[in-house]
Amino acid sequence: MRTYSGDSIFDIPELVDMIACHLSRSSLAMTIATCRRLAQHLEPFLWKHVAINYRPPLRDSVLRHRHQIQTLSSSVNQYYFEPLMTGLLDLKPWSSNWPNSTKSVKLPNLVRLELDGEDNDESYIGKPLSLLQYCPNLTRLNMSCTAILWHEKIAKQFNELLPNNLRHLEHLELNGNSASVKMSLPLLEACILHPQLQELHCRFKIRVNEQEFMGWMRFNDTVESMRAGNRWSGYSFVSKIKSLTLPSYKSGFPMTFLTQLLKVHLRNIVSLVIPVVYRNVGISEEEAFKGLCPKLQHLSWSFAGEDTYNFETIEAFVTSGSKEVGLKTFSATFCSETGHFAGSNDAFLGVLADHHSESLEEIELFHCQEIESYEIKDILTSCRKLKRLWITPGYEAKISLYLEDIASEPWVCSDLKELWMTLCRDNLEEAKAIGAPAYAQIGRMVKLETLFLGFNKNEQSKEEFEAFRLDLTLEDGWLAELGGLAELQHFGMAEDFWSKMGQAEVEFIYSSWPRLKKITFGSIQRYYRKSFEQLPHWQWLRKNKPFLEFEYDEWTYT
């Protein structure tokens, strides 16, 4: 048994660690301020994580404790950032001897840095870069790159700093607005050729004009020359990047560029976010994507390009890629920021189910326009590991799952935890017979924690619409079939469902779903919310479940 000869229990390092981990930052600060004996033991823990967001810290305090700082979050402006930049007031970031032109605050133990915002003053832009050159052990960096990519010399300095001063960097997240192809290409090259980088997330937009478009074609030649050892010799040119988010590019990345990049330089990719892909005419997708990303498990794709979209491209990608392990998660969006919707998906979901049914765990499709009911059925009846199916409709969408398809075959995804469904029915008479087994199918997903139900008004008659409003009642509908969802925590429904509920239904919800924390009501306008909450049955539910949250969504899910 280990013994300690100190005069205080705080001479035991393990005990100090345990106490510090259980104290909030405010409690640590108060303890340090009131007890000098404890201060010398606990002060290092207070300075492990520093956030400079609301007021500048004392310059002397930062300098005194700089060796203890492990994570740092700061706003990049002269008022907040200056205490960290002692000795940099006369910095000229574009000078030829910039790396050695000034002294800086050294943070040798800093492993995580987040720089929020940026100062567009040319005389100040280089100061965050000056801080980076004195953080040799940094492993995670999150910062805005807009101002940097607006100035060619500073952008070049940043690209040189990555492999030379930040050799241990593993996670890099670059945020911002827009940047030119001329500036973005060298940045991507520097990141791809970094010796240790494993995660790269480029959350900025690339603006493109006709003169710069061919820059994408020159990218491959540039990286190939680096692989041959013409620059930065001694580095491994097989990138270690496993998680990649490409910058947003509204016209779409040329397919030839994308395949060359992924096949040659990014063979270890596990997670990939692709904004938009432009299909090159005359090129076979199957041949282009053959053997692509064999280790890929997580794929996010956008169909919402301003100029073009093509479902054959994603079908070929899904068919040819991820051969070693299979996709675990797939997400896609069908609507651009300007409201442009992609159209029919040509049985794309069926292709996804055919090739990855044994591995798929999550599917998220946002703002969909048209998906056939049998495709959704194929997912639910073939993907045994599925835990999340989230399909949200776009404007005047046709993405319904028919009650007949729900009841026709048993669902195999018994571990399903999150489900968003837009329902539909063929005709009123058949629905009366099929409603109970259809809702019972949903009710058998006993691990569900989140369930959203919507109704497609675009494909239904007025009579069918009125009938749907009774579905989640006890007397005329099938709410009782959902009684087995004891793990349900979040329940969402469009107005078609909640409008006919009464006292019997809310009492059923109260007794059958004991873990319920939130109900989301669709299509309730702001002016009606107060009147809605005063309805007696909802008041009763709020009274008996005081921590239950009511959430309102003004637009209809369908």
Protein backbone atom coordinates (compact mmCIF):
# COMPACT_ATOMS: atom_id res chain seq x y z
CA MET A 1 0.00 0.00 0.00
CA ARG A 2 1.36 3.40 -1.03
CA THR A 3 1.97 5.94 1.79
CA TYR A 4 2.52 9.70 1.72
CA SER A 5 4.61 11.75 4.13
CA GLY A 6 3.15 15.17 3.29
CA ASP A 7 1.63 17.50 5.86
CA SER A 8 -1.67 17.79 3.97
CA ILE A 9 -3.97 15.48 2.10
CA PHE A 10 -3.47 17.89 -0.83
CA ASP A 11 0.09 16.62 -1.07
CA ILE A 12 -1.44 13.49 -2.61
CA PRO A 13 -1.50 14.18 -6.40
CA GLU A 14 -4.20 11.61 -7.16
CA LEU A 15 -6.55 13.13 -4.57
CA VAL A 16 -5.97 16.64 -5.91
CA ASP A 17 -6.80 15.41 -9.42
CA MET A 18 -10.02 13.82 -8.20
CA ILE A 19 -11.16 16.93 -6.29
CA ALA A 20 -10.34 19.29 -9.17
CA CYS A 21 -12.28 17.16 -11.65
CA HIS A 22 -15.44 17.43 -9.53
CA LEU A 23 -15.29 21.22 -9.06
CA SER A 24 -16.82 23.65 -11.52
CA ARG A 25 -14.60 26.40 -12.90
CA SER A 26 -16.34 29.01 -10.75
CA SER A 27 -15.84 26.82 -7.66
CA LEU A 28 -12.17 26.41 -8.50
CA ALA A 29 -11.73 30.16 -8.90
CA MET A 30 -13.52 30.89 -5.61
CA THR A 31 -11.46 28.30 -3.74
CA ILE A 32 -8.23 29.69 -5.14
CA ALA A 33 -9.22 33.25 -4.23
CA THR A 34 -10.12 32.41 -0.63
CA CYS A 35 -7.53 29.81 0.40
CA ARG A 36 -3.85 30.35 -0.33
CA ARG A 37 -2.89 26.80 0.68
CA LEU A 38 -5.38 25.26 -1.72
CA ALA A 39 -4.55 27.79 -4.42
CA GLN A 40 -1.06 26.42 -5.01
CA HIS A 41 -2.54 22.95 -5.58
CA LEU A 42 -5.64 23.87 -7.58
CA GLU A 43 -4.44 26.83 -9.67
CA PRO A 44 -2.85 24.63 -12.36
CA PHE A 45 -6.22 22.94 -12.94
CA LEU A 46 -7.95 26.31 -13.39
CA TRP A 47 -5.52 27.27 -16.14
CA LYS A 48 -5.74 24.00 -18.03
CA HIS A 49 -8.79 25.29 -19.92
CA VAL A 50 -8.92 29.00 -20.74
CA ALA A 51 -11.76 30.82 -22.52
CA ILE A 52 -11.37 34.49 -23.45
CA ASN A 53 -14.74 35.61 -24.79
CA TYR A 54 -16.25 38.37 -22.67
CA ARG A 55 -13.40 40.35 -21.20
CA PRO A 56 -9.63 40.29 -21.62
CA PRO A 57 -7.61 38.38 -19.01
CA LEU A 58 -4.81 39.92 -17.02
CA ARG A 59 -1.72 39.92 -19.19
CA ASP A 60 0.55 38.90 -16.32
CA SER A 61 -1.71 35.99 -15.38
CA VAL A 62 -1.63 34.57 -18.88
CA LEU A 63 2.14 34.88 -19.07
CA ARG A 64 2.64 33.35 -15.63
CA HIS A 65 0.47 30.31 -16.34
CA ARG A 66 1.14 29.83 -20.05
CA HIS A 67 2.92 26.52 -19.43
CA GLN A 68 -0.22 25.10 -17.79
CA ILE A 69 -2.67 26.00 -20.57
CA GLN A 70 -3.81 22.91 -22.48
CA THR A 71 -6.97 24.17 -24.21
CA LEU A 72 -7.62 27.76 -25.24
CA SER A 73 -10.68 29.45 -26.72
CA SER A 74 -10.47 33.11 -27.68
CA SER A 75 -12.16 35.76 -29.80
CA VAL A 76 -9.81 37.14 -32.42
CA ASN A 77 -9.89 40.89 -31.96
CA GLN A 78 -7.53 43.39 -30.44
CA TYR A 79 -9.47 43.81 -27.19
CA TYR A 80 -9.65 40.11 -26.24
CA PHE A 81 -6.68 38.67 -28.08
CA GLU A 82 -3.99 41.20 -27.25
CA PRO A 83 -3.05 39.77 -23.80
CA LEU A 84 -1.97 36.58 -25.56
CA MET A 85 0.09 38.47 -28.10
CA THR A 86 2.60 40.32 -25.94
CA GLY A 87 5.51 41.40 -28.07
CA LEU A 88 3.54 41.32 -31.34
CA LEU A 89 2.24 44.89 -31.44
CA ASP A 90 4.66 45.86 -34.21
CA LEU A 91 4.24 42.66 -36.22
CA LYS A 92 4.21 42.96 -39.99
CA PRO A 93 2.96 39.54 -41.14
CA TRP A 94 4.03 40.02 -44.73
CA SER A 95 7.70 40.74 -43.93
CA SER A 96 10.23 38.34 -45.44
CA ASN A 97 11.65 37.36 -42.05
CA TRP A 98 8.18 37.03 -40.48
CA PRO A 99 8.71 33.76 -38.53
CA ASN A 100 11.71 35.23 -36.71
CA SER A 101 10.74 38.90 -36.62
CA THR A 102 9.15 38.94 -33.19
CA LYS A 103 8.80 37.26 -29.85
CA SER A 104 5.53 35.71 -28.78
CA VAL A 105 3.75 34.08 -25.91
CA LYS A 106 4.90 30.46 -25.91
CA LEU A 107 2.29 27.84 -25.10
CA PRO A 108 4.29 24.60 -25.18
CA ASN A 109 1.59 22.41 -23.62
CA LEU A 110 -1.34 23.75 -25.63
CA VAL A 111 -3.07 20.85 -27.42
CA ARG A 112 -6.40 22.43 -28.41
CA LEU A 113 -7.04 25.93 -29.78
CA GLU A 114 -10.30 27.57 -30.89
CA LEU A 115 -10.19 31.04 -32.43
CA ASP A 116 -13.64 32.53 -32.93
CA GLY A 117 -14.16 35.34 -35.42
CA GLU A 118 -11.46 37.39 -37.06
CA ASP A 119 -10.08 40.89 -37.29
CA ASN A 120 -9.93 42.14 -40.90
CA ASP A 121 -7.35 44.80 -40.13
CA GLU A 122 -4.40 43.91 -42.38
CA SER A 123 -1.92 44.80 -39.66
CA TYR A 124 -3.56 42.32 -37.30
CA ILE A 125 -4.50 39.31 -39.44
CA GLY A 126 -1.13 37.62 -39.04
CA LYS A 127 -1.19 37.64 -35.24
CA PRO A 128 -3.17 34.38 -34.85
CA LEU A 129 -0.60 32.76 -37.14
CA SER A 130 2.18 34.09 -34.93
CA LEU A 131 0.57 32.37 -31.98
CA LEU A 132 0.36 29.09 -33.91
CA GLN A 133 4.08 28.97 -34.59
CA TYR A 134 4.70 28.82 -30.83
CA CYS A 135 2.33 25.89 -30.17
CA PRO A 136 4.47 22.91 -31.20
CA ASN A 137 2.27 20.28 -29.52
CA LEU A 138 -1.07 21.48 -30.85
CA THR A 139 -3.30 18.56 -31.96
CA ARG A 140 -6.68 20.29 -32.53
CA LEU A 141 -7.26 23.64 -34.24
CA ASN A 142 -10.57 25.36 -34.99
CA MET A 143 -10.38 28.79 -36.61
CA SER A 144 -11.84 31.07 -39.26
CA CYS A 145 -9.87 31.30 -42.48
CA THR A 146 -11.81 33.98 -44.40
CA ALA A 147 -9.43 36.86 -43.68
CA ILE A 148 -6.37 34.66 -44.18
CA LEU A 149 -7.53 33.49 -47.62
CA TRP A 150 -8.18 37.06 -48.72
CA HIS A 151 -4.46 37.90 -48.51
CA GLU A 152 -2.14 35.84 -50.68
CA LYS A 153 1.06 36.30 -48.66
CA ILE A 154 -0.62 35.47 -45.36
CA ALA A 155 -2.32 32.44 -46.93
CA LYS A 156 1.06 31.22 -48.14
CA GLN A 157 2.51 31.64 -44.64
CA PHE A 158 -0.35 29.62 -43.16
CA ASN A 159 0.18 26.81 -45.68
CA GLU A 160 3.89 26.68 -44.80
CA LEU A 161 3.17 26.81 -41.08
CA LEU A 162 0.98 23.67 -41.15
CA PRO A 163 3.70 21.07 -41.86
CA ASN A 164 6.59 22.96 -40.27
CA ASN A 165 5.24 24.30 -36.96
CA LEU A 166 2.15 22.15 -36.41
CA ARG A 167 3.59 18.72 -37.08
CA HIS A 168 1.42 17.04 -34.42
CA LEU A 169 -1.87 18.49 -35.67
CA GLU A 170 -4.55 15.79 -35.98
CA HIS A 171 -7.82 17.74 -36.20
CA LEU A 172 -8.29 20.91 -38.27
CA GLU A 173 -11.56 22.79 -38.73
CA LEU A 174 -11.56 25.85 -40.98
CA ASN A 175 -14.65 28.07 -40.96
CA GLY A 176 -15.46 31.12 -43.02
CA ASN A 177 -17.42 32.69 -45.84
CA SER A 178 -16.01 32.65 -49.35
CA ALA A 179 -12.57 32.11 -50.84
CA SER A 180 -11.24 31.94 -54.37
CA VAL A 181 -10.04 28.79 -56.10
CA LYS A 182 -6.58 30.33 -56.30
CA MET A 183 -6.39 30.56 -52.50
CA SER A 184 -8.30 27.38 -51.66
CA LEU A 185 -6.23 24.95 -53.75
CA PRO A 186 -2.90 25.47 -51.97
CA LEU A 187 -4.67 25.23 -48.61
CA LEU A 188 -6.22 21.87 -49.50
CA GLU A 189 -2.86 20.65 -50.78
CA ALA A 190 -1.09 21.62 -47.57
CA CYS A 191 -3.73 19.87 -45.49
CA ILE A 192 -3.73 16.69 -47.56
CA LEU A 193 0.05 16.42 -47.37
CA HIS A 194 0.23 17.07 -43.64
CA PRO A 195 2.09 14.16 -41.98
CA GLN A 196 -0.29 13.61 -39.03
CA LEU A 197 -3.64 15.20 -39.92
CA GLN A 198 -6.54 12.75 -39.48
CA GLU A 199 -9.60 15.03 -39.57
CA LEU A 200 -10.08 17.95 -41.96
CA HIS A 201 -13.32 19.96 -42.03
CA CYS A 202 -13.45 22.83 -44.53
CA ARG A 203 -16.62 24.72 -43.64
CA PHE A 204 -16.26 27.60 -46.07
CA LYS A 205 -17.49 28.36 -49.58
CA ILE A 206 -15.45 28.53 -52.74
CA ARG A 207 -16.42 31.19 -55.23
CA VAL A 208 -15.73 30.33 -58.85
CA ASN A 209 -15.54 32.29 -62.08
CA GLU A 210 -14.71 31.15 -65.59
CA GLN A 211 -11.04 32.14 -65.35
CA GLU A 212 -10.47 30.11 -62.16
CA PHE A 213 -12.45 27.00 -63.01
CA MET A 214 -9.49 25.20 -64.62
CA GLY A 215 -7.68 25.50 -61.30
CA TRP A 216 -9.47 22.32 -60.24
CA MET A 217 -7.88 20.46 -63.15
CA ARG A 218 -4.41 21.70 -62.18
CA PHE A 219 -4.92 20.45 -58.62
CA ASN A 220 -4.20 16.82 -59.53
CA ASP A 221 -0.96 17.71 -61.31
CA THR A 222 0.21 19.73 -58.31
CA VAL A 223 -0.42 16.94 -55.81
CA GLU A 224 1.17 14.35 -58.11
CA SER A 225 4.36 16.40 -58.23
CA MET A 226 4.38 16.53 -54.44
CA ARG A 227 3.95 12.75 -54.26
CA ALA A 228 7.01 12.41 -56.49
CA GLY A 229 9.01 14.25 -53.85
CA ASN A 230 9.53 17.54 -55.69
CA ARG A 231 8.42 19.45 -52.57
CA TRP A 232 8.39 18.77 -48.83
CA SER A 233 10.50 15.63 -49.27
CA GLY A 234 10.52 13.26 -46.36
CA TYR A 235 6.77 13.41 -45.69
CA SER A 236 4.44 10.51 -46.18
CA PHE A 237 2.34 11.22 -49.25
CA VAL A 238 -0.28 8.65 -48.32
CA SER A 239 -2.58 10.90 -46.36
CA LYS A 240 -3.66 9.82 -42.88
CA ILE A 241 -6.89 11.79 -43.18
CA LYS A 242 -9.85 9.63 -42.15
CA SER A 243 -12.56 12.28 -41.87
CA LEU A 244 -12.95 14.90 -44.61
CA THR A 245 -15.44 17.71 -45.22
CA LEU A 246 -14.88 19.39 -48.57
CA PRO A 247 -15.63 23.11 -48.90
CA SER A 248 -18.95 24.15 -50.39
CA TYR A 249 -18.90 24.72 -54.14
CA LYS A 250 -22.30 25.45 -55.68
CA SER A 251 -21.51 24.28 -59.22
CA GLY A 252 -20.23 20.93 -57.99
CA PHE A 253 -16.82 19.32 -57.76
CA PRO A 254 -15.85 17.77 -61.11
CA MET A 255 -16.19 14.01 -60.83
CA THR A 256 -12.73 13.43 -62.35
CA PHE A 257 -11.13 15.65 -59.73
CA LEU A 258 -12.98 13.94 -56.91
CA THR A 259 -12.13 10.40 -57.98
CA GLN A 260 -8.45 11.25 -58.54
CA LEU A 261 -8.26 12.87 -55.12
CA LEU A 262 -9.93 9.96 -53.29
CA LYS A 263 -8.29 7.09 -55.15
CA VAL A 264 -4.70 8.33 -55.06
CA HIS A 265 -4.34 10.54 -52.01
CA LEU A 266 -7.15 9.74 -49.57
CA ARG A 267 -7.39 5.97 -49.46
CA ASN A 268 -7.89 5.88 -45.67
CA ILE A 269 -11.10 7.92 -45.68
CA VAL A 270 -13.71 6.67 -43.20
CA SER A 271 -16.03 9.71 -43.12
CA LEU A 272 -16.70 11.93 -46.14
CA VAL A 273 -18.87 15.02 -46.68
CA ILE A 274 -19.30 16.00 -50.34
CA PRO A 275 -21.25 19.22 -51.02
CA VAL A 276 -22.15 18.76 -54.72
CA VAL A 277 -20.67 16.64 -57.53
CA TYR A 278 -20.64 17.69 -61.18
CA ARG A 279 -20.95 14.78 -63.56
CA ASN A 280 -18.36 14.83 -66.36
CA VAL A 281 -19.99 14.00 -69.68
CA GLY A 282 -18.65 10.92 -71.44
CA ILE A 283 -17.20 9.29 -68.34
CA SER A 284 -18.57 6.05 -66.90
CA GLU A 285 -19.38 6.46 -63.21
CA GLU A 286 -18.93 2.76 -62.54
CA GLU A 287 -15.40 2.78 -63.92
CA ALA A 288 -14.54 6.09 -62.26
CA PHE A 289 -15.69 4.98 -58.80
CA LYS A 290 -14.45 1.39 -58.98
CA GLY A 291 -12.51 0.54 -55.83
CA LEU A 292 -13.13 3.99 -54.37
CA CYS A 293 -12.92 4.56 -50.59
CA PRO A 294 -12.82 0.90 -49.50
CA LYS A 295 -12.86 1.86 -45.79
CA LEU A 296 -15.68 4.41 -46.03
CA GLN A 297 -18.34 4.11 -43.30
CA HIS A 298 -19.98 7.55 -43.14
CA LEU A 299 -21.11 9.43 -46.26
CA SER A 300 -22.88 12.78 -46.57
CA TRP A 301 -23.94 13.92 -50.05
CA SER A 302 -25.72 16.95 -51.47
CA PHE A 303 -28.04 16.80 -54.47
CA ALA A 304 -28.85 20.50 -54.25
CA GLY A 305 -26.49 22.07 -56.76
CA GLU A 306 -27.45 25.35 -58.40
CA ASP A 307 -26.52 24.15 -61.88
CA THR A 308 -26.65 20.38 -61.93
CA TYR A 309 -27.40 17.25 -59.96
CA ASN A 310 -27.28 13.64 -61.01
CA PHE A 311 -28.52 10.62 -59.11
CA GLU A 312 -26.58 8.19 -61.30
CA THR A 313 -23.39 9.55 -59.76
CA ILE A 314 -24.38 8.77 -56.18
CA GLU A 315 -25.77 5.38 -57.21
CA ALA A 316 -22.42 4.49 -58.78
CA PHE A 317 -20.58 5.78 -55.71
CA VAL A 318 -22.74 3.74 -53.33
CA THR A 319 -22.43 0.65 -55.54
CA SER A 320 -18.65 0.77 -56.01
CA GLY A 321 -17.39 2.28 -52.76
CA SER A 322 -16.97 1.04 -49.20
CA LYS A 323 -16.40 -2.57 -50.21
CA GLU A 324 -14.40 -3.58 -47.14
CA VAL A 325 -16.76 -2.56 -44.32
CA GLY A 326 -19.98 -1.16 -45.83
CA LEU A 327 -21.66 2.16 -45.11
CA LYS A 328 -22.91 2.71 -41.56
CA THR A 329 -24.42 6.18 -42.00
CA PHE A 330 -25.71 8.03 -45.02
CA SER A 331 -27.11 11.56 -45.12
CA ALA A 332 -28.17 13.79 -47.98
CA THR A 333 -29.88 17.10 -48.60
CA PHE A 334 -32.07 17.88 -51.58
CA CYS A 335 -32.47 21.65 -51.18
CA SER A 336 -29.90 24.41 -51.63
CA GLU A 337 -29.64 27.57 -49.55
CA THR A 338 -31.53 29.47 -52.26
CA GLY A 339 -34.43 27.01 -52.30
CA HIS A 340 -33.44 24.93 -55.31
CA PHE A 341 -34.84 21.39 -54.98
CA ALA A 342 -33.44 18.27 -56.59
CA GLY A 343 -36.05 16.18 -58.36
CA SER A 344 -36.76 12.46 -58.65
CA ASN A 345 -34.14 10.15 -57.22
CA ASP A 346 -34.59 7.21 -59.60
CA ALA A 347 -34.84 4.47 -56.98
CA PHE A 348 -31.67 5.62 -55.25
CA LEU A 349 -32.75 4.34 -51.80
CA GLY A 350 -33.23 0.86 -53.22
CA VAL A 351 -29.63 0.86 -54.46
CA LEU A 352 -28.46 1.90 -51.00
CA ALA A 353 -30.41 -0.95 -49.40
CA ASP A 354 -29.19 -3.53 -51.94
CA HIS A 355 -25.50 -2.87 -51.31
CA HIS A 356 -25.30 -1.85 -47.65
CA SER A 357 -28.25 -3.45 -45.86
CA GLU A 358 -25.95 -5.48 -43.60
CA SER A 359 -24.11 -2.43 -42.25
CA LEU A 360 -26.45 0.60 -42.41
CA GLU A 361 -27.29 2.11 -39.02
CA GLU A 362 -28.43 5.66 -39.87
CA ILE A 363 -30.12 7.26 -42.87
CA GLU A 364 -30.92 10.99 -42.97
CA LEU A 365 -32.57 12.58 -46.01
CA PHE A 366 -33.46 16.27 -45.71
CA HIS A 367 -35.98 18.23 -47.83
CA CYS A 368 -36.77 15.31 -50.11
CA GLN A 369 -39.05 15.84 -53.08
CA GLU A 370 -40.00 12.38 -54.28
CA ILE A 371 -39.31 8.93 -52.84
CA GLU A 372 -41.39 5.89 -53.62
CA SER A 373 -43.08 4.11 -50.73
CA TYR A 374 -41.57 0.73 -51.65
CA GLU A 375 -38.05 2.19 -51.33
CA ILE A 376 -38.63 3.21 -47.72
CA LYS A 377 -40.19 -0.20 -47.14
CA ASP A 378 -37.05 -1.89 -48.55
CA ILE A 379 -34.91 -0.06 -45.99
CA LEU A 380 -37.12 -1.05 -43.05
CA THR A 381 -37.42 -4.68 -44.13
CA SER A 382 -33.76 -5.32 -45.02
CA CYS A 383 -31.49 -3.18 -42.77
CA ARG A 384 -31.29 -5.12 -39.52
CA LYS A 385 -28.85 -2.75 -37.81
CA LEU A 386 -30.82 0.41 -38.61
CA LYS A 387 -31.14 2.75 -35.62
CA ARG A 388 -32.18 6.02 -37.26
CA LEU A 389 -34.38 6.70 -40.31
CA TRP A 390 -35.01 10.42 -40.76
CA ILE A 391 -36.72 11.49 -44.01
CA THR A 392 -38.02 15.07 -43.99
CA PRO A 393 -40.15 16.41 -46.85
CA GLY A 394 -39.51 19.43 -49.02
CA TYR A 395 -42.12 21.72 -50.53
CA GLU A 396 -45.05 19.77 -52.04
CA ALA A 397 -43.10 16.57 -51.54
CA LYS A 398 -44.21 13.05 -52.41
CA ILE A 399 -42.26 10.87 -50.00
CA SER A 400 -45.04 9.02 -48.20
CA LEU A 401 -44.92 5.52 -46.79
CA TYR A 402 -48.26 3.84 -47.48
CA LEU A 403 -50.00 2.05 -44.64
CA GLU A 404 -50.30 -0.95 -46.94
CA ASP A 405 -46.51 -1.12 -47.35
CA ILE A 406 -46.00 -0.78 -43.60
CA ALA A 407 -48.20 -3.77 -42.86
CA SER A 408 -47.17 -5.97 -45.80
CA GLU A 409 -43.84 -7.27 -44.39
CA PRO A 410 -42.32 -7.32 -40.90
CA TRP A 411 -39.65 -4.75 -40.16
CA VAL A 412 -36.30 -6.27 -39.25
CA CYS A 413 -34.77 -3.17 -37.62
CA SER A 414 -35.66 -4.06 -34.04
CA ASP A 415 -33.00 -1.65 -32.68
CA LEU A 416 -34.61 1.39 -34.32
CA LYS A 417 -34.43 4.42 -32.01
CA GLU A 418 -35.34 7.42 -34.19
CA LEU A 419 -37.98 7.49 -36.92
CA TRP A 420 -39.58 10.24 -39.02
CA MET A 421 -42.39 9.01 -41.26
CA THR A 422 -44.77 10.75 -43.65
CA LEU A 423 -47.83 8.51 -44.02
CA CYS A 424 -50.28 7.91 -46.84
CA ARG A 425 -52.99 5.39 -47.82
CA ASP A 426 -54.33 4.03 -51.10
CA ASN A 427 -58.02 4.32 -50.37
CA LEU A 428 -60.35 4.88 -47.46
CA GLU A 429 -61.96 1.43 -47.33
CA GLU A 430 -58.72 -0.56 -47.33
CA ALA A 431 -57.27 1.76 -44.69
CA LYS A 432 -59.91 0.70 -42.19
CA ALA A 433 -58.66 -2.88 -42.38
CA ILE A 434 -54.97 -2.10 -42.69
CA GLY A 435 -54.65 0.70 -40.10
CA ALA A 436 -54.38 -1.51 -37.00
CA PRO A 437 -51.61 -3.82 -38.32
CA ALA A 438 -49.75 -0.82 -39.79
CA TYR A 439 -49.63 1.08 -36.51
CA ALA A 440 -48.92 -2.16 -34.65
CA GLN A 441 -45.82 -2.52 -36.83
CA ILE A 442 -44.61 0.86 -35.55
CA GLY A 443 -45.55 -0.11 -32.01
CA ARG A 444 -43.30 -3.18 -32.17
CA MET A 445 -40.24 -0.92 -32.42
CA VAL A 446 -40.03 -0.93 -28.63
CA LYS A 447 -36.62 0.81 -28.51
CA LEU A 448 -37.92 3.95 -30.23
CA GLU A 449 -36.89 7.11 -28.41
CA THR A 450 -37.96 9.65 -31.05
CA LEU A 451 -40.99 9.33 -33.34
CA PHE A 452 -42.32 11.94 -35.79
CA LEU A 453 -45.50 11.29 -37.77
CA GLY A 454 -46.64 13.40 -40.70
CA PHE A 455 -49.34 13.12 -43.35
CA ASN A 456 -49.04 13.76 -47.08
CA LYS A 457 -51.80 16.13 -48.13
CA ASN A 458 -50.59 16.31 -51.73
CA GLU A 459 -51.73 12.77 -52.63
CA GLN A 460 -54.95 12.50 -50.61
CA SER A 461 -58.56 13.43 -51.12
CA LYS A 462 -60.42 15.60 -48.63
CA GLU A 463 -62.18 12.52 -47.21
CA GLU A 464 -58.90 10.67 -46.73
CA PHE A 465 -57.40 13.73 -45.09
CA GLU A 466 -60.28 13.90 -42.61
CA ALA A 467 -59.91 10.18 -41.87
CA PHE A 468 -56.21 10.56 -41.14
CA ARG A 469 -56.95 13.08 -38.41
CA LEU A 470 -58.57 10.28 -36.41
CA ASP A 471 -55.60 7.89 -36.60
CA LEU A 472 -54.13 8.86 -33.23
CA THR A 473 -57.35 8.60 -31.28
CA LEU A 474 -58.45 5.68 -29.13
CA GLU A 475 -62.06 5.27 -30.21
CA ASP A 476 -61.79 5.72 -33.98
CA GLY A 477 -58.05 5.31 -34.54
CA TRP A 478 -55.06 3.21 -33.58
CA LEU A 479 -53.19 5.13 -30.88
CA ALA A 480 -53.50 2.07 -28.63
CA GLU A 481 -51.19 0.16 -31.02
CA LEU A 482 -48.34 2.48 -29.96
CA GLY A 483 -48.71 1.65 -26.28
CA GLY A 484 -45.59 -0.51 -26.28
CA LEU A 485 -43.23 2.42 -26.91
CA ALA A 486 -42.21 2.69 -23.27
CA GLU A 487 -38.79 4.19 -24.17
CA LEU A 488 -40.28 7.08 -26.18
CA GLN A 489 -38.84 10.45 -25.15
CA HIS A 490 -39.75 12.75 -28.04
CA PHE A 491 -43.02 12.54 -30.00
CA GLY A 492 -43.74 14.81 -32.97
CA MET A 493 -46.90 15.05 -35.07
CA ALA A 494 -48.42 17.25 -37.73
CA GLU A 495 -51.74 19.02 -37.11
CA ASP A 496 -53.63 16.20 -38.79
CA PHE A 497 -52.98 14.05 -35.75
CA TRP A 498 -53.14 16.25 -32.67
CA SER A 499 -56.29 18.12 -33.73
CA LYS A 500 -58.66 15.26 -32.77
CA MET A 501 -56.95 14.23 -29.54
CA GLY A 502 -58.80 14.66 -26.25
CA GLN A 503 -58.66 13.72 -22.57
CA ALA A 504 -58.62 9.97 -23.20
CA GLU A 505 -55.65 10.27 -25.55
CA VAL A 506 -53.49 12.40 -23.24
CA GLU A 507 -54.17 10.04 -20.33
CA PHE A 508 -53.05 7.18 -22.56
CA ILE A 509 -49.85 9.10 -23.41
CA TYR A 510 -49.24 9.78 -19.72
CA SER A 511 -49.58 6.15 -18.68
CA SER A 512 -47.98 4.45 -21.71
CA TRP A 513 -44.94 6.66 -22.33
CA PRO A 514 -43.43 7.31 -18.88
CA ARG A 515 -40.12 8.62 -20.26
CA LEU A 516 -41.69 11.23 -22.56
CA LYS A 517 -39.86 14.58 -22.31
CA LYS A 518 -41.02 16.54 -25.35
CA ILE A 519 -43.96 16.76 -27.75
CA THR A 520 -43.57 18.67 -31.02
CA PHE A 521 -46.74 20.04 -32.61
CA GLY A 522 -46.64 20.89 -36.29
CA SER A 523 -48.41 23.81 -38.01
CA ILE A 524 -49.28 25.78 -34.89
CA GLN A 525 -48.85 29.48 -35.61
CA ARG A 526 -47.58 31.81 -32.92
CA TYR A 527 -50.89 33.58 -32.44
CA TYR A 528 -52.64 30.26 -31.64
CA ARG A 529 -50.13 28.76 -29.18
CA LYS A 530 -51.54 30.40 -26.07
CA SER A 531 -55.08 29.26 -26.90
CA PHE A 532 -53.80 25.79 -27.74
CA GLU A 533 -52.07 25.36 -24.39
CA GLN A 534 -55.28 26.37 -22.60
CA LEU A 535 -57.17 23.37 -23.99
CA PRO A 536 -58.17 21.30 -20.91
CA HIS A 537 -56.59 18.00 -21.95
CA TRP A 538 -53.19 19.53 -22.71
CA GLN A 539 -53.33 21.49 -19.47
CA TRP A 540 -54.00 18.23 -17.64
CA LEU A 541 -50.96 16.61 -19.24
CA ARG A 542 -48.70 19.55 -18.40
CA LYS A 543 -49.94 19.51 -14.81
CA ASN A 544 -49.28 15.80 -14.36
CA LYS A 545 -45.94 15.90 -16.22
CA PRO A 546 -44.56 19.29 -15.15
CA PHE A 547 -41.22 18.75 -16.89
CA LEU A 548 -42.81 17.89 -20.24
CA GLU A 549 -41.76 20.36 -22.95
CA PHE A 550 -44.11 21.54 -25.69
CA GLU A 551 -42.34 22.47 -28.92
CA TYR A 552 -43.96 24.15 -31.92
CA ASP A 553 -43.06 23.92 -35.56
CA GLU A 554 -44.83 26.52 -37.68
CA TRP A 555 -44.46 24.71 -40.97
CA THR A 556 -46.20 21.44 -41.69
CA TYR A 557 -44.04 18.35 -42.03
CA THR A 558 -45.87 17.41 -45.20
